[in-house]
């Protein structure tokens, strides 16, 4: 909903979460 992403503070800026809907990944 809203395509929001959230991060733990220690990972923000170093880690990126993303998705590929076509691959369900």
PDBML (XML) file of the C-alpha atoms, coordinates in Angstrom:
<?xml version="1.0" encoding="UTF-8" ?>
<PDBx:datablock datablockName="MODEL"
   xmlns:PDBx="http://pdbml.pdb.org/schema/pdbx-v50.xsd"
   xmlns:xsi="http://www.w3.org/2001/XMLSchema-instance"
   xsi:schemaLocation="http://pdbml.pdb.org/schema/pdbx-v50.xsd pdbx-v50.xsd">
   <PDBx:atom_siteCategory>
      <PDBx:atom_site id="1">
         <PDBx:B_iso_or_equiv>0.00</PDBx:B_iso_or_equiv>
         <PDBx:Cartn_x>0.000</PDBx:Cartn_x>
         <PDBx:Cartn_y>0.000</PDBx:Cartn_y>
         <PDBx:Cartn_z>0.000</PDBx:Cartn_z>
         <PDBx:auth_asym_id>A</PDBx:auth_asym_id>
         <PDBx:auth_atom_id>CA</PDBx:auth_atom_id>
         <PDBx:auth_comp_id>UNK</PDBx:auth_comp_id>
         <PDBx:auth_seq_id>1</PDBx:auth_seq_id>
         <PDBx:group_PDB>ATOM</PDBx:group_PDB>
         <PDBx:label_alt_id xsi:nil="true" />
         <PDBx:label_asym_id>A</PDBx:label_asym_id>
         <PDBx:label_atom_id>CA</PDBx:label_atom_id>
         <PDBx:label_comp_id>UNK</PDBx:label_comp_id>
         <PDBx:label_entity_id>1</PDBx:label_entity_id>
         <PDBx:label_seq_id>1</PDBx:label_seq_id>
         <PDBx:occupancy>1.00</PDBx:occupancy>
         <PDBx:pdbx_PDB_model_num>1</PDBx:pdbx_PDB_model_num>
         <PDBx:type_symbol>C</PDBx:type_symbol>
      </PDBx:atom_site>
      <PDBx:atom_site id="2">
         <PDBx:B_iso_or_equiv>0.00</PDBx:B_iso_or_equiv>
         <PDBx:Cartn_x>1.661</PDBx:Cartn_x>
         <PDBx:Cartn_y>3.186</PDBx:Cartn_y>
         <PDBx:Cartn_z>-1.153</PDBx:Cartn_z>
         <PDBx:auth_asym_id>A</PDBx:auth_asym_id>
         <PDBx:auth_atom_id>CA</PDBx:auth_atom_id>
         <PDBx:auth_comp_id>UNK</PDBx:auth_comp_id>
         <PDBx:auth_seq_id>2</PDBx:auth_seq_id>
         <PDBx:group_PDB>ATOM</PDBx:group_PDB>
         <PDBx:label_alt_id xsi:nil="true" />
         <PDBx:label_asym_id>A</PDBx:label_asym_id>
         <PDBx:label_atom_id>CA</PDBx:label_atom_id>
         <PDBx:label_comp_id>UNK</PDBx:label_comp_id>
         <PDBx:label_entity_id>1</PDBx:label_entity_id>
         <PDBx:label_seq_id>2</PDBx:label_seq_id>
         <PDBx:occupancy>1.00</PDBx:occupancy>
         <PDBx:pdbx_PDB_model_num>1</PDBx:pdbx_PDB_model_num>
         <PDBx:type_symbol>C</PDBx:type_symbol>
      </PDBx:atom_site>
      <PDBx:atom_site id="3">
         <PDBx:B_iso_or_equiv>0.00</PDBx:B_iso_or_equiv>
         <PDBx:Cartn_x>4.814</PDBx:Cartn_x>
         <PDBx:Cartn_y>1.296</PDBx:Cartn_y>
         <PDBx:Cartn_z>-2.118</PDBx:Cartn_z>
         <PDBx:auth_asym_id>A</PDBx:auth_asym_id>
         <PDBx:auth_atom_id>CA</PDBx:auth_atom_id>
         <PDBx:auth_comp_id>UNK</PDBx:auth_comp_id>
         <PDBx:auth_seq_id>3</PDBx:auth_seq_id>
         <PDBx:group_PDB>ATOM</PDBx:group_PDB>
         <PDBx:label_alt_id xsi:nil="true" />
         <PDBx:label_asym_id>A</PDBx:label_asym_id>
         <PDBx:label_atom_id>CA</PDBx:label_atom_id>
         <PDBx:label_comp_id>UNK</PDBx:label_comp_id>
         <PDBx:label_entity_id>1</PDBx:label_entity_id>
         <PDBx:label_seq_id>3</PDBx:label_seq_id>
         <PDBx:occupancy>1.00</PDBx:occupancy>
         <PDBx:pdbx_PDB_model_num>1</PDBx:pdbx_PDB_model_num>
         <PDBx:type_symbol>C</PDBx:type_symbol>
      </PDBx:atom_site>
      <PDBx:atom_site id="4">
         <PDBx:B_iso_or_equiv>0.00</PDBx:B_iso_or_equiv>
         <PDBx:Cartn_x>6.414</PDBx:Cartn_x>
         <PDBx:Cartn_y>2.470</PDBx:Cartn_y>
         <PDBx:Cartn_z>1.109</PDBx:Cartn_z>
         <PDBx:auth_asym_id>A</PDBx:auth_asym_id>
         <PDBx:auth_atom_id>CA</PDBx:auth_atom_id>
         <PDBx:auth_comp_id>UNK</PDBx:auth_comp_id>
         <PDBx:auth_seq_id>4</PDBx:auth_seq_id>
         <PDBx:group_PDB>ATOM</PDBx:group_PDB>
         <PDBx:label_alt_id xsi:nil="true" />
         <PDBx:label_asym_id>A</PDBx:label_asym_id>
         <PDBx:label_atom_id>CA</PDBx:label_atom_id>
         <PDBx:label_comp_id>UNK</PDBx:label_comp_id>
         <PDBx:label_entity_id>1</PDBx:label_entity_id>
         <PDBx:label_seq_id>4</PDBx:label_seq_id>
         <PDBx:occupancy>1.00</PDBx:occupancy>
         <PDBx:pdbx_PDB_model_num>1</PDBx:pdbx_PDB_model_num>
         <PDBx:type_symbol>C</PDBx:type_symbol>
      </PDBx:atom_site>
      <PDBx:atom_site id="5">
         <PDBx:B_iso_or_equiv>0.00</PDBx:B_iso_or_equiv>
         <PDBx:Cartn_x>9.820</PDBx:Cartn_x>
         <PDBx:Cartn_y>1.280</PDBx:Cartn_y>
         <PDBx:Cartn_z>2.195</PDBx:Cartn_z>
         <PDBx:auth_asym_id>A</PDBx:auth_asym_id>
         <PDBx:auth_atom_id>CA</PDBx:auth_atom_id>
         <PDBx:auth_comp_id>UNK</PDBx:auth_comp_id>
         <PDBx:auth_seq_id>5</PDBx:auth_seq_id>
         <PDBx:group_PDB>ATOM</PDBx:group_PDB>
         <PDBx:label_alt_id xsi:nil="true" />
         <PDBx:label_asym_id>A</PDBx:label_asym_id>
         <PDBx:label_atom_id>CA</PDBx:label_atom_id>
         <PDBx:label_comp_id>UNK</PDBx:label_comp_id>
         <PDBx:label_entity_id>1</PDBx:label_entity_id>
         <PDBx:label_seq_id>5</PDBx:label_seq_id>
         <PDBx:occupancy>1.00</PDBx:occupancy>
         <PDBx:pdbx_PDB_model_num>1</PDBx:pdbx_PDB_model_num>
         <PDBx:type_symbol>C</PDBx:type_symbol>
      </PDBx:atom_site>
      <PDBx:atom_site id="6">
         <PDBx:B_iso_or_equiv>0.00</PDBx:B_iso_or_equiv>
         <PDBx:Cartn_x>11.137</PDBx:Cartn_x>
         <PDBx:Cartn_y>1.455</PDBx:Cartn_y>
         <PDBx:Cartn_z>5.738</PDBx:Cartn_z>
         <PDBx:auth_asym_id>A</PDBx:auth_asym_id>
         <PDBx:auth_atom_id>CA</PDBx:auth_atom_id>
         <PDBx:auth_comp_id>UNK</PDBx:auth_comp_id>
         <PDBx:auth_seq_id>6</PDBx:auth_seq_id>
         <PDBx:group_PDB>ATOM</PDBx:group_PDB>
         <PDBx:label_alt_id xsi:nil="true" />
         <PDBx:label_asym_id>A</PDBx:label_asym_id>
         <PDBx:label_atom_id>CA</PDBx:label_atom_id>
         <PDBx:label_comp_id>UNK</PDBx:label_comp_id>
         <PDBx:label_entity_id>1</PDBx:label_entity_id>
         <PDBx:label_seq_id>6</PDBx:label_seq_id>
         <PDBx:occupancy>1.00</PDBx:occupancy>
         <PDBx:pdbx_PDB_model_num>1</PDBx:pdbx_PDB_model_num>
         <PDBx:type_symbol>C</PDBx:type_symbol>
      </PDBx:atom_site>
      <PDBx:atom_site id="7">
         <PDBx:B_iso_or_equiv>0.00</PDBx:B_iso_or_equiv>
         <PDBx:Cartn_x>14.551</PDBx:Cartn_x>
         <PDBx:Cartn_y>0.673</PDBx:Cartn_y>
         <PDBx:Cartn_z>7.163</PDBx:Cartn_z>
         <PDBx:auth_asym_id>A</PDBx:auth_asym_id>
         <PDBx:auth_atom_id>CA</PDBx:auth_atom_id>
         <PDBx:auth_comp_id>UNK</PDBx:auth_comp_id>
         <PDBx:auth_seq_id>7</PDBx:auth_seq_id>
         <PDBx:group_PDB>ATOM</PDBx:group_PDB>
         <PDBx:label_alt_id xsi:nil="true" />
         <PDBx:label_asym_id>A</PDBx:label_asym_id>
         <PDBx:label_atom_id>CA</PDBx:label_atom_id>
         <PDBx:label_comp_id>UNK</PDBx:label_comp_id>
         <PDBx:label_entity_id>1</PDBx:label_entity_id>
         <PDBx:label_seq_id>7</PDBx:label_seq_id>
         <PDBx:occupancy>1.00</PDBx:occupancy>
         <PDBx:pdbx_PDB_model_num>1</PDBx:pdbx_PDB_model_num>
         <PDBx:type_symbol>C</PDBx:type_symbol>
      </PDBx:atom_site>
      <PDBx:atom_site id="8">
         <PDBx:B_iso_or_equiv>0.00</PDBx:B_iso_or_equiv>
         <PDBx:Cartn_x>16.249</PDBx:Cartn_x>
         <PDBx:Cartn_y>0.113</PDBx:Cartn_y>
         <PDBx:Cartn_z>10.459</PDBx:Cartn_z>
         <PDBx:auth_asym_id>A</PDBx:auth_asym_id>
         <PDBx:auth_atom_id>CA</PDBx:auth_atom_id>
         <PDBx:auth_comp_id>UNK</PDBx:auth_comp_id>
         <PDBx:auth_seq_id>8</PDBx:auth_seq_id>
         <PDBx:group_PDB>ATOM</PDBx:group_PDB>
         <PDBx:label_alt_id xsi:nil="true" />
         <PDBx:label_asym_id>A</PDBx:label_asym_id>
         <PDBx:label_atom_id>CA</PDBx:label_atom_id>
         <PDBx:label_comp_id>UNK</PDBx:label_comp_id>
         <PDBx:label_entity_id>1</PDBx:label_entity_id>
         <PDBx:label_seq_id>8</PDBx:label_seq_id>
         <PDBx:occupancy>1.00</PDBx:occupancy>
         <PDBx:pdbx_PDB_model_num>1</PDBx:pdbx_PDB_model_num>
         <PDBx:type_symbol>C</PDBx:type_symbol>
      </PDBx:atom_site>
      <PDBx:atom_site id="9">
         <PDBx:B_iso_or_equiv>0.00</PDBx:B_iso_or_equiv>
         <PDBx:Cartn_x>18.214</PDBx:Cartn_x>
         <PDBx:Cartn_y>3.238</PDBx:Cartn_y>
         <PDBx:Cartn_z>11.244</PDBx:Cartn_z>
         <PDBx:auth_asym_id>A</PDBx:auth_asym_id>
         <PDBx:auth_atom_id>CA</PDBx:auth_atom_id>
         <PDBx:auth_comp_id>UNK</PDBx:auth_comp_id>
         <PDBx:auth_seq_id>9</PDBx:auth_seq_id>
         <PDBx:group_PDB>ATOM</PDBx:group_PDB>
         <PDBx:label_alt_id xsi:nil="true" />
         <PDBx:label_asym_id>A</PDBx:label_asym_id>
         <PDBx:label_atom_id>CA</PDBx:label_atom_id>
         <PDBx:label_comp_id>UNK</PDBx:label_comp_id>
         <PDBx:label_entity_id>1</PDBx:label_entity_id>
         <PDBx:label_seq_id>9</PDBx:label_seq_id>
         <PDBx:occupancy>1.00</PDBx:occupancy>
         <PDBx:pdbx_PDB_model_num>1</PDBx:pdbx_PDB_model_num>
         <PDBx:type_symbol>C</PDBx:type_symbol>
      </PDBx:atom_site>
      <PDBx:atom_site id="10">
         <PDBx:B_iso_or_equiv>0.00</PDBx:B_iso_or_equiv>
         <PDBx:Cartn_x>21.583</PDBx:Cartn_x>
         <PDBx:Cartn_y>1.454</PDBx:Cartn_y>
         <PDBx:Cartn_z>11.146</PDBx:Cartn_z>
         <PDBx:auth_asym_id>A</PDBx:auth_asym_id>
         <PDBx:auth_atom_id>CA</PDBx:auth_atom_id>
         <PDBx:auth_comp_id>UNK</PDBx:auth_comp_id>
         <PDBx:auth_seq_id>10</PDBx:auth_seq_id>
         <PDBx:group_PDB>ATOM</PDBx:group_PDB>
         <PDBx:label_alt_id xsi:nil="true" />
         <PDBx:label_asym_id>A</PDBx:label_asym_id>
         <PDBx:label_atom_id>CA</PDBx:label_atom_id>
         <PDBx:label_comp_id>UNK</PDBx:label_comp_id>
         <PDBx:label_entity_id>1</PDBx:label_entity_id>
         <PDBx:label_seq_id>10</PDBx:label_seq_id>
         <PDBx:occupancy>1.00</PDBx:occupancy>
         <PDBx:pdbx_PDB_model_num>1</PDBx:pdbx_PDB_model_num>
         <PDBx:type_symbol>C</PDBx:type_symbol>
      </PDBx:atom_site>
      <PDBx:atom_site id="11">
         <PDBx:B_iso_or_equiv>0.00</PDBx:B_iso_or_equiv>
         <PDBx:Cartn_x>20.925</PDBx:Cartn_x>
         <PDBx:Cartn_y>0.142</PDBx:Cartn_y>
         <PDBx:Cartn_z>7.624</PDBx:Cartn_z>
         <PDBx:auth_asym_id>A</PDBx:auth_asym_id>
         <PDBx:auth_atom_id>CA</PDBx:auth_atom_id>
         <PDBx:auth_comp_id>UNK</PDBx:auth_comp_id>
         <PDBx:auth_seq_id>11</PDBx:auth_seq_id>
         <PDBx:group_PDB>ATOM</PDBx:group_PDB>
         <PDBx:label_alt_id xsi:nil="true" />
         <PDBx:label_asym_id>A</PDBx:label_asym_id>
         <PDBx:label_atom_id>CA</PDBx:label_atom_id>
         <PDBx:label_comp_id>UNK</PDBx:label_comp_id>
         <PDBx:label_entity_id>1</PDBx:label_entity_id>
         <PDBx:label_seq_id>11</PDBx:label_seq_id>
         <PDBx:occupancy>1.00</PDBx:occupancy>
         <PDBx:pdbx_PDB_model_num>1</PDBx:pdbx_PDB_model_num>
         <PDBx:type_symbol>C</PDBx:type_symbol>
      </PDBx:atom_site>
      <PDBx:atom_site id="12">
         <PDBx:B_iso_or_equiv>0.00</PDBx:B_iso_or_equiv>
         <PDBx:Cartn_x>19.368</PDBx:Cartn_x>
         <PDBx:Cartn_y>3.207</PDBx:Cartn_y>
         <PDBx:Cartn_z>6.056</PDBx:Cartn_z>
         <PDBx:auth_asym_id>A</PDBx:auth_asym_id>
         <PDBx:auth_atom_id>CA</PDBx:auth_atom_id>
         <PDBx:auth_comp_id>UNK</PDBx:auth_comp_id>
         <PDBx:auth_seq_id>12</PDBx:auth_seq_id>
         <PDBx:group_PDB>ATOM</PDBx:group_PDB>
         <PDBx:label_alt_id xsi:nil="true" />
         <PDBx:label_asym_id>A</PDBx:label_asym_id>
         <PDBx:label_atom_id>CA</PDBx:label_atom_id>
         <PDBx:label_comp_id>UNK</PDBx:label_comp_id>
         <PDBx:label_entity_id>1</PDBx:label_entity_id>
         <PDBx:label_seq_id>12</PDBx:label_seq_id>
         <PDBx:occupancy>1.00</PDBx:occupancy>
         <PDBx:pdbx_PDB_model_num>1</PDBx:pdbx_PDB_model_num>
         <PDBx:type_symbol>C</PDBx:type_symbol>
      </PDBx:atom_site>
      <PDBx:atom_site id="13">
         <PDBx:B_iso_or_equiv>0.00</PDBx:B_iso_or_equiv>
         <PDBx:Cartn_x>21.597</PDBx:Cartn_x>
         <PDBx:Cartn_y>4.551</PDBx:Cartn_y>
         <PDBx:Cartn_z>3.343</PDBx:Cartn_z>
         <PDBx:auth_asym_id>A</PDBx:auth_asym_id>
         <PDBx:auth_atom_id>CA</PDBx:auth_atom_id>
         <PDBx:auth_comp_id>UNK</PDBx:auth_comp_id>
         <PDBx:auth_seq_id>13</PDBx:auth_seq_id>
         <PDBx:group_PDB>ATOM</PDBx:group_PDB>
         <PDBx:label_alt_id xsi:nil="true" />
         <PDBx:label_asym_id>A</PDBx:label_asym_id>
         <PDBx:label_atom_id>CA</PDBx:label_atom_id>
         <PDBx:label_comp_id>UNK</PDBx:label_comp_id>
         <PDBx:label_entity_id>1</PDBx:label_entity_id>
         <PDBx:label_seq_id>13</PDBx:label_seq_id>
         <PDBx:occupancy>1.00</PDBx:occupancy>
         <PDBx:pdbx_PDB_model_num>1</PDBx:pdbx_PDB_model_num>
         <PDBx:type_symbol>C</PDBx:type_symbol>
      </PDBx:atom_site>
      <PDBx:atom_site id="14">
         <PDBx:B_iso_or_equiv>0.00</PDBx:B_iso_or_equiv>
         <PDBx:Cartn_x>23.516</PDBx:Cartn_x>
         <PDBx:Cartn_y>1.276</PDBx:Cartn_y>
         <PDBx:Cartn_z>3.010</PDBx:Cartn_z>
         <PDBx:auth_asym_id>A</PDBx:auth_asym_id>
         <PDBx:auth_atom_id>CA</PDBx:auth_atom_id>
         <PDBx:auth_comp_id>UNK</PDBx:auth_comp_id>
         <PDBx:auth_seq_id>14</PDBx:auth_seq_id>
         <PDBx:group_PDB>ATOM</PDBx:group_PDB>
         <PDBx:label_alt_id xsi:nil="true" />
         <PDBx:label_asym_id>A</PDBx:label_asym_id>
         <PDBx:label_atom_id>CA</PDBx:label_atom_id>
         <PDBx:label_comp_id>UNK</PDBx:label_comp_id>
         <PDBx:label_entity_id>1</PDBx:label_entity_id>
         <PDBx:label_seq_id>14</PDBx:label_seq_id>
         <PDBx:occupancy>1.00</PDBx:occupancy>
         <PDBx:pdbx_PDB_model_num>1</PDBx:pdbx_PDB_model_num>
         <PDBx:type_symbol>C</PDBx:type_symbol>
      </PDBx:atom_site>
      <PDBx:atom_site id="15">
         <PDBx:B_iso_or_equiv>0.00</PDBx:B_iso_or_equiv>
         <PDBx:Cartn_x>20.716</PDBx:Cartn_x>
         <PDBx:Cartn_y>-1.207</PDBx:Cartn_y>
         <PDBx:Cartn_z>2.299</PDBx:Cartn_z>
         <PDBx:auth_asym_id>A</PDBx:auth_asym_id>
         <PDBx:auth_atom_id>CA</PDBx:auth_atom_id>
         <PDBx:auth_comp_id>UNK</PDBx:auth_comp_id>
         <PDBx:auth_seq_id>15</PDBx:auth_seq_id>
         <PDBx:group_PDB>ATOM</PDBx:group_PDB>
         <PDBx:label_alt_id xsi:nil="true" />
         <PDBx:label_asym_id>A</PDBx:label_asym_id>
         <PDBx:label_atom_id>CA</PDBx:label_atom_id>
         <PDBx:label_comp_id>UNK</PDBx:label_comp_id>
         <PDBx:label_entity_id>1</PDBx:label_entity_id>
         <PDBx:label_seq_id>15</PDBx:label_seq_id>
         <PDBx:occupancy>1.00</PDBx:occupancy>
         <PDBx:pdbx_PDB_model_num>1</PDBx:pdbx_PDB_model_num>
         <PDBx:type_symbol>C</PDBx:type_symbol>
      </PDBx:atom_site>
      <PDBx:atom_site id="16">
         <PDBx:B_iso_or_equiv>0.00</PDBx:B_iso_or_equiv>
         <PDBx:Cartn_x>17.968</PDBx:Cartn_x>
         <PDBx:Cartn_y>-0.949</PDBx:Cartn_y>
         <PDBx:Cartn_z>-0.309</PDBx:Cartn_z>
         <PDBx:auth_asym_id>A</PDBx:auth_asym_id>
         <PDBx:auth_atom_id>CA</PDBx:auth_atom_id>
         <PDBx:auth_comp_id>UNK</PDBx:auth_comp_id>
         <PDBx:auth_seq_id>16</PDBx:auth_seq_id>
         <PDBx:group_PDB>ATOM</PDBx:group_PDB>
         <PDBx:label_alt_id xsi:nil="true" />
         <PDBx:label_asym_id>A</PDBx:label_asym_id>
         <PDBx:label_atom_id>CA</PDBx:label_atom_id>
         <PDBx:label_comp_id>UNK</PDBx:label_comp_id>
         <PDBx:label_entity_id>1</PDBx:label_entity_id>
         <PDBx:label_seq_id>16</PDBx:label_seq_id>
         <PDBx:occupancy>1.00</PDBx:occupancy>
         <PDBx:pdbx_PDB_model_num>1</PDBx:pdbx_PDB_model_num>
         <PDBx:type_symbol>C</PDBx:type_symbol>
      </PDBx:atom_site>
      <PDBx:atom_site id="17">
         <PDBx:B_iso_or_equiv>0.00</PDBx:B_iso_or_equiv>
         <PDBx:Cartn_x>14.862</PDBx:Cartn_x>
         <PDBx:Cartn_y>-3.111</PDBx:Cartn_y>
         <PDBx:Cartn_z>-0.501</PDBx:Cartn_z>
         <PDBx:auth_asym_id>A</PDBx:auth_asym_id>
         <PDBx:auth_atom_id>CA</PDBx:auth_atom_id>
         <PDBx:auth_comp_id>UNK</PDBx:auth_comp_id>
         <PDBx:auth_seq_id>17</PDBx:auth_seq_id>
         <PDBx:group_PDB>ATOM</PDBx:group_PDB>
         <PDBx:label_alt_id xsi:nil="true" />
         <PDBx:label_asym_id>A</PDBx:label_asym_id>
         <PDBx:label_atom_id>CA</PDBx:label_atom_id>
         <PDBx:label_comp_id>UNK</PDBx:label_comp_id>
         <PDBx:label_entity_id>1</PDBx:label_entity_id>
         <PDBx:label_seq_id>17</PDBx:label_seq_id>
         <PDBx:occupancy>1.00</PDBx:occupancy>
         <PDBx:pdbx_PDB_model_num>1</PDBx:pdbx_PDB_model_num>
         <PDBx:type_symbol>C</PDBx:type_symbol>
      </PDBx:atom_site>
      <PDBx:atom_site id="18">
         <PDBx:B_iso_or_equiv>0.00</PDBx:B_iso_or_equiv>
         <PDBx:Cartn_x>13.061</PDBx:Cartn_x>
         <PDBx:Cartn_y>-3.455</PDBx:Cartn_y>
         <PDBx:Cartn_z>-3.810</PDBx:Cartn_z>
         <PDBx:auth_asym_id>A</PDBx:auth_asym_id>
         <PDBx:auth_atom_id>CA</PDBx:auth_atom_id>
         <PDBx:auth_comp_id>UNK</PDBx:auth_comp_id>
         <PDBx:auth_seq_id>18</PDBx:auth_seq_id>
         <PDBx:group_PDB>ATOM</PDBx:group_PDB>
         <PDBx:label_alt_id xsi:nil="true" />
         <PDBx:label_asym_id>A</PDBx:label_asym_id>
         <PDBx:label_atom_id>CA</PDBx:label_atom_id>
         <PDBx:label_comp_id>UNK</PDBx:label_comp_id>
         <PDBx:label_entity_id>1</PDBx:label_entity_id>
         <PDBx:label_seq_id>18</PDBx:label_seq_id>
         <PDBx:occupancy>1.00</PDBx:occupancy>
         <PDBx:pdbx_PDB_model_num>1</PDBx:pdbx_PDB_model_num>
         <PDBx:type_symbol>C</PDBx:type_symbol>
      </PDBx:atom_site>
      <PDBx:atom_site id="19">
         <PDBx:B_iso_or_equiv>0.00</PDBx:B_iso_or_equiv>
         <PDBx:Cartn_x>10.674</PDBx:Cartn_x>
         <PDBx:Cartn_y>-5.779</PDBx:Cartn_y>
         <PDBx:Cartn_z>-5.570</PDBx:Cartn_z>
         <PDBx:auth_asym_id>A</PDBx:auth_asym_id>
         <PDBx:auth_atom_id>CA</PDBx:auth_atom_id>
         <PDBx:auth_comp_id>UNK</PDBx:auth_comp_id>
         <PDBx:auth_seq_id>19</PDBx:auth_seq_id>
         <PDBx:group_PDB>ATOM</PDBx:group_PDB>
         <PDBx:label_alt_id xsi:nil="true" />
         <PDBx:label_asym_id>A</PDBx:label_asym_id>
         <PDBx:label_atom_id>CA</PDBx:label_atom_id>
         <PDBx:label_comp_id>UNK</PDBx:label_comp_id>
         <PDBx:label_entity_id>1</PDBx:label_entity_id>
         <PDBx:label_seq_id>19</PDBx:label_seq_id>
         <PDBx:occupancy>1.00</PDBx:occupancy>
         <PDBx:pdbx_PDB_model_num>1</PDBx:pdbx_PDB_model_num>
         <PDBx:type_symbol>C</PDBx:type_symbol>
      </PDBx:atom_site>
      <PDBx:atom_site id="20">
         <PDBx:B_iso_or_equiv>0.00</PDBx:B_iso_or_equiv>
         <PDBx:Cartn_x>10.032</PDBx:Cartn_x>
         <PDBx:Cartn_y>-7.228</PDBx:Cartn_y>
         <PDBx:Cartn_z>-8.991</PDBx:Cartn_z>
         <PDBx:auth_asym_id>A</PDBx:auth_asym_id>
         <PDBx:auth_atom_id>CA</PDBx:auth_atom_id>
         <PDBx:auth_comp_id>UNK</PDBx:auth_comp_id>
         <PDBx:auth_seq_id>20</PDBx:auth_seq_id>
         <PDBx:group_PDB>ATOM</PDBx:group_PDB>
         <PDBx:label_alt_id xsi:nil="true" />
         <PDBx:label_asym_id>A</PDBx:label_asym_id>
         <PDBx:label_atom_id>CA</PDBx:label_atom_id>
         <PDBx:label_comp_id>UNK</PDBx:label_comp_id>
         <PDBx:label_entity_id>1</PDBx:label_entity_id>
         <PDBx:label_seq_id>20</PDBx:label_seq_id>
         <PDBx:occupancy>1.00</PDBx:occupancy>
         <PDBx:pdbx_PDB_model_num>1</PDBx:pdbx_PDB_model_num>
         <PDBx:type_symbol>C</PDBx:type_symbol>
      </PDBx:atom_site>
      <PDBx:atom_site id="21">
         <PDBx:B_iso_or_equiv>0.00</PDBx:B_iso_or_equiv>
         <PDBx:Cartn_x>6.311</PDBx:Cartn_x>
         <PDBx:Cartn_y>-7.889</PDBx:Cartn_y>
         <PDBx:Cartn_z>-9.241</PDBx:Cartn_z>
         <PDBx:auth_asym_id>A</PDBx:auth_asym_id>
         <PDBx:auth_atom_id>CA</PDBx:auth_atom_id>
         <PDBx:auth_comp_id>UNK</PDBx:auth_comp_id>
         <PDBx:auth_seq_id>21</PDBx:auth_seq_id>
         <PDBx:group_PDB>ATOM</PDBx:group_PDB>
         <PDBx:label_alt_id xsi:nil="true" />
         <PDBx:label_asym_id>A</PDBx:label_asym_id>
         <PDBx:label_atom_id>CA</PDBx:label_atom_id>
         <PDBx:label_comp_id>UNK</PDBx:label_comp_id>
         <PDBx:label_entity_id>1</PDBx:label_entity_id>
         <PDBx:label_seq_id>21</PDBx:label_seq_id>
         <PDBx:occupancy>1.00</PDBx:occupancy>
         <PDBx:pdbx_PDB_model_num>1</PDBx:pdbx_PDB_model_num>
         <PDBx:type_symbol>C</PDBx:type_symbol>
      </PDBx:atom_site>
      <PDBx:atom_site id="22">
         <PDBx:B_iso_or_equiv>0.00</PDBx:B_iso_or_equiv>
         <PDBx:Cartn_x>6.622</PDBx:Cartn_x>
         <PDBx:Cartn_y>-9.937</PDBx:Cartn_y>
         <PDBx:Cartn_z>-12.402</PDBx:Cartn_z>
         <PDBx:auth_asym_id>A</PDBx:auth_asym_id>
         <PDBx:auth_atom_id>CA</PDBx:auth_atom_id>
         <PDBx:auth_comp_id>UNK</PDBx:auth_comp_id>
         <PDBx:auth_seq_id>22</PDBx:auth_seq_id>
         <PDBx:group_PDB>ATOM</PDBx:group_PDB>
         <PDBx:label_alt_id xsi:nil="true" />
         <PDBx:label_asym_id>A</PDBx:label_asym_id>
         <PDBx:label_atom_id>CA</PDBx:label_atom_id>
         <PDBx:label_comp_id>UNK</PDBx:label_comp_id>
         <PDBx:label_entity_id>1</PDBx:label_entity_id>
         <PDBx:label_seq_id>22</PDBx:label_seq_id>
         <PDBx:occupancy>1.00</PDBx:occupancy>
         <PDBx:pdbx_PDB_model_num>1</PDBx:pdbx_PDB_model_num>
         <PDBx:type_symbol>C</PDBx:type_symbol>
      </PDBx:atom_site>
      <PDBx:atom_site id="23">
         <PDBx:B_iso_or_equiv>0.00</PDBx:B_iso_or_equiv>
         <PDBx:Cartn_x>8.988</PDBx:Cartn_x>
         <PDBx:Cartn_y>-12.336</PDBx:Cartn_y>
         <PDBx:Cartn_z>-10.641</PDBx:Cartn_z>
         <PDBx:auth_asym_id>A</PDBx:auth_asym_id>
         <PDBx:auth_atom_id>CA</PDBx:auth_atom_id>
         <PDBx:auth_comp_id>UNK</PDBx:auth_comp_id>
         <PDBx:auth_seq_id>23</PDBx:auth_seq_id>
         <PDBx:group_PDB>ATOM</PDBx:group_PDB>
         <PDBx:label_alt_id xsi:nil="true" />
         <PDBx:label_asym_id>A</PDBx:label_asym_id>
         <PDBx:label_atom_id>CA</PDBx:label_atom_id>
         <PDBx:label_comp_id>UNK</PDBx:label_comp_id>
         <PDBx:label_entity_id>1</PDBx:label_entity_id>
         <PDBx:label_seq_id>23</PDBx:label_seq_id>
         <PDBx:occupancy>1.00</PDBx:occupancy>
         <PDBx:pdbx_PDB_model_num>1</PDBx:pdbx_PDB_model_num>
         <PDBx:type_symbol>C</PDBx:type_symbol>
      </PDBx:atom_site>
      <PDBx:atom_site id="24">
         <PDBx:B_iso_or_equiv>0.00</PDBx:B_iso_or_equiv>
         <PDBx:Cartn_x>7.301</PDBx:Cartn_x>
         <PDBx:Cartn_y>-12.213</PDBx:Cartn_y>
         <PDBx:Cartn_z>-7.221</PDBx:Cartn_z>
         <PDBx:auth_asym_id>A</PDBx:auth_asym_id>
         <PDBx:auth_atom_id>CA</PDBx:auth_atom_id>
         <PDBx:auth_comp_id>UNK</PDBx:auth_comp_id>
         <PDBx:auth_seq_id>24</PDBx:auth_seq_id>
         <PDBx:group_PDB>ATOM</PDBx:group_PDB>
         <PDBx:label_alt_id xsi:nil="true" />
         <PDBx:label_asym_id>A</PDBx:label_asym_id>
         <PDBx:label_atom_id>CA</PDBx:label_atom_id>
         <PDBx:label_comp_id>UNK</PDBx:label_comp_id>
         <PDBx:label_entity_id>1</PDBx:label_entity_id>
         <PDBx:label_seq_id>24</PDBx:label_seq_id>
         <PDBx:occupancy>1.00</PDBx:occupancy>
         <PDBx:pdbx_PDB_model_num>1</PDBx:pdbx_PDB_model_num>
         <PDBx:type_symbol>C</PDBx:type_symbol>
      </PDBx:atom_site>
      <PDBx:atom_site id="25">
         <PDBx:B_iso_or_equiv>0.00</PDBx:B_iso_or_equiv>
         <PDBx:Cartn_x>10.724</PDBx:Cartn_x>
         <PDBx:Cartn_y>-11.470</PDBx:Cartn_y>
         <PDBx:Cartn_z>-5.840</PDBx:Cartn_z>
         <PDBx:auth_asym_id>A</PDBx:auth_asym_id>
         <PDBx:auth_atom_id>CA</PDBx:auth_atom_id>
         <PDBx:auth_comp_id>UNK</PDBx:auth_comp_id>
         <PDBx:auth_seq_id>25</PDBx:auth_seq_id>
         <PDBx:group_PDB>ATOM</PDBx:group_PDB>
         <PDBx:label_alt_id xsi:nil="true" />
         <PDBx:label_asym_id>A</PDBx:label_asym_id>
         <PDBx:label_atom_id>CA</PDBx:label_atom_id>
         <PDBx:label_comp_id>UNK</PDBx:label_comp_id>
         <PDBx:label_entity_id>1</PDBx:label_entity_id>
         <PDBx:label_seq_id>25</PDBx:label_seq_id>
         <PDBx:occupancy>1.00</PDBx:occupancy>
         <PDBx:pdbx_PDB_model_num>1</PDBx:pdbx_PDB_model_num>
         <PDBx:type_symbol>C</PDBx:type_symbol>
      </PDBx:atom_site>
   </PDBx:atom_siteCategory>
</PDBx:datablock>
